[in-house]
Amino acid sequence: MKLDDKVCYCFHISKRKIINHLRIHRPRRASQLSECGGAGTGCGWCVPYLKRYFAEYEKAAAADSKDFAELNEEAITAEEYAQQRDQYIQSGKGTPPAR
């Protein structure tokens, strides 16, 4: 996924926004990423990805790396991510918030 791809479809939060939130606010726990526009509080699909970004952020911080954005590139494309989320929703595992 690229930086401007959506991670949280429920609240339209991009990967770039999450990474910037991590850099600026330096949360202590992955659950605090919900403070980034509500990410992870809708259907729940993005929660494993948010946890992964948080773990990579902690790893980069421990290594004193300034190149966090490069550390967490997934092999999944934005289209594959969206399709997997659609399947997740259709299977009844998550319910997007009402509009």
Protein backbone atom coordinates (compact mmCIF):
# COMPACT_ATOMS: atom_id res chain seq x y z
CA MET A 1 0.00 0.00 0.00
CA LYS A 2 1.12 3.51 -0.74
CA LEU A 3 1.06 6.46 1.64
CA ASP A 4 -2.13 7.99 0.26
CA ASP A 5 -4.10 4.72 0.22
CA LYS A 6 -6.92 4.39 2.72
CA VAL A 7 -6.31 2.18 5.72
CA CYS A 8 -9.54 2.99 7.57
CA TYR A 9 -12.40 3.01 5.08
CA CYS A 10 -15.02 3.81 7.71
CA PHE A 11 -13.46 7.19 8.50
CA HIS A 12 -11.36 7.72 5.34
CA ILE A 13 -7.98 7.68 7.10
CA SER A 14 -4.92 7.26 4.89
CA LYS A 15 -1.71 5.49 5.68
CA ARG A 16 0.07 8.87 5.51
CA LYS A 17 -2.23 10.31 8.18
CA ILE A 18 -1.62 7.36 10.50
CA ILE A 19 2.15 7.55 10.05
CA ASN A 20 2.13 11.29 10.70
CA HIS A 21 -0.03 10.75 13.78
CA LEU A 22 2.52 8.24 15.06
CA ARG A 23 5.41 10.63 14.43
CA ILE A 24 3.75 13.71 15.93
CA HIS A 25 1.72 12.30 18.85
CA ARG A 26 3.94 9.33 19.74
CA PRO A 27 1.21 7.12 21.22
CA ARG A 28 2.19 4.66 23.93
CA ARG A 29 -0.29 2.01 22.84
CA ALA A 30 -1.65 0.90 19.47
CA SER A 31 -5.19 1.59 20.68
CA GLN A 32 -4.35 5.28 20.88
CA LEU A 33 -4.34 5.37 17.08
CA SER A 34 -8.12 5.67 17.39
CA GLU A 35 -7.39 9.31 18.22
CA CYS A 36 -6.36 9.68 14.57
CA GLY A 37 -9.78 10.49 13.16
CA GLY A 38 -11.43 7.47 14.77
CA ALA A 39 -9.28 4.93 12.91
CA GLY A 40 -10.08 1.39 13.98
CA THR A 41 -13.35 2.25 15.73
CA GLY A 42 -15.72 1.44 12.86
CA CYS A 43 -15.94 -2.04 11.39
CA GLY A 44 -12.61 -3.17 12.88
CA TRP A 45 -11.03 -4.34 9.62
CA CYS A 46 -8.05 -1.99 9.89
CA VAL A 47 -7.16 -2.81 13.51
CA PRO A 48 -4.52 -5.47 12.62
CA TYR A 49 -2.92 -2.99 10.21
CA LEU A 50 -2.93 -0.24 12.84
CA LYS A 51 -1.26 -2.63 15.27
CA ARG A 52 1.35 -3.49 12.65
CA TYR A 53 2.07 0.21 11.97
CA PHE A 54 2.40 0.83 15.69
CA ALA A 55 4.83 -2.10 16.07
CA GLU A 56 6.92 -0.82 13.15
CA TYR A 57 6.87 2.67 14.65
CA GLU A 58 8.16 1.30 17.98
CA LYS A 59 10.84 -0.69 16.17
CA ALA A 60 11.97 2.38 14.23
CA ALA A 61 11.94 4.50 17.39
CA ALA A 62 14.07 1.92 19.23
CA ALA A 63 16.54 1.91 16.34
CA ASP A 64 16.43 5.73 16.24
CA SER A 65 15.50 5.50 12.57
CA LYS A 66 14.10 8.55 10.80
CA ASP A 67 12.85 6.47 7.88
CA PHE A 68 9.70 4.97 9.41
CA ALA A 69 7.55 5.30 6.27
CA GLU A 70 9.86 2.97 4.37
CA LEU A 71 9.81 0.29 7.06
CA ASN A 72 6.16 -0.60 6.80
CA GLU A 73 5.48 -1.13 3.11
CA GLU A 74 3.15 -4.07 2.66
CA ALA A 75 3.14 -6.29 -0.37
CA ILE A 76 -0.66 -5.91 -0.59
CA THR A 77 -2.08 -3.46 -3.12
CA ALA A 78 -4.81 -0.95 -2.32
CA GLU A 79 -7.20 -2.93 -4.53
CA GLU A 80 -6.48 -6.21 -2.73
CA TYR A 81 -6.88 -4.47 0.62
CA ALA A 82 -10.28 -3.05 -0.41
CA GLN A 83 -11.45 -6.44 -1.72
CA GLN A 84 -10.42 -8.20 1.49
CA ARG A 85 -12.24 -5.56 3.54
CA ASP A 86 -15.38 -6.04 1.42
CA GLN A 87 -15.23 -9.78 2.05
CA TYR A 88 -14.76 -9.12 5.78
CA ILE A 89 -17.87 -6.90 5.86
CA GLN A 90 -19.95 -9.29 3.74
CA SER A 91 -19.08 -12.19 6.02
CA GLY A 92 -20.63 -10.29 8.91
CA LYS A 93 -17.44 -9.78 10.91
CA GLY A 94 -17.74 -6.02 10.98
CA THR A 95 -20.34 -3.34 10.50
CA PRO A 96 -19.36 0.03 9.10
CA PRO A 97 -20.79 3.03 10.93
CA ALA A 98 -24.04 4.50 9.63
CA ARG A 99 -23.61 7.50 7.39
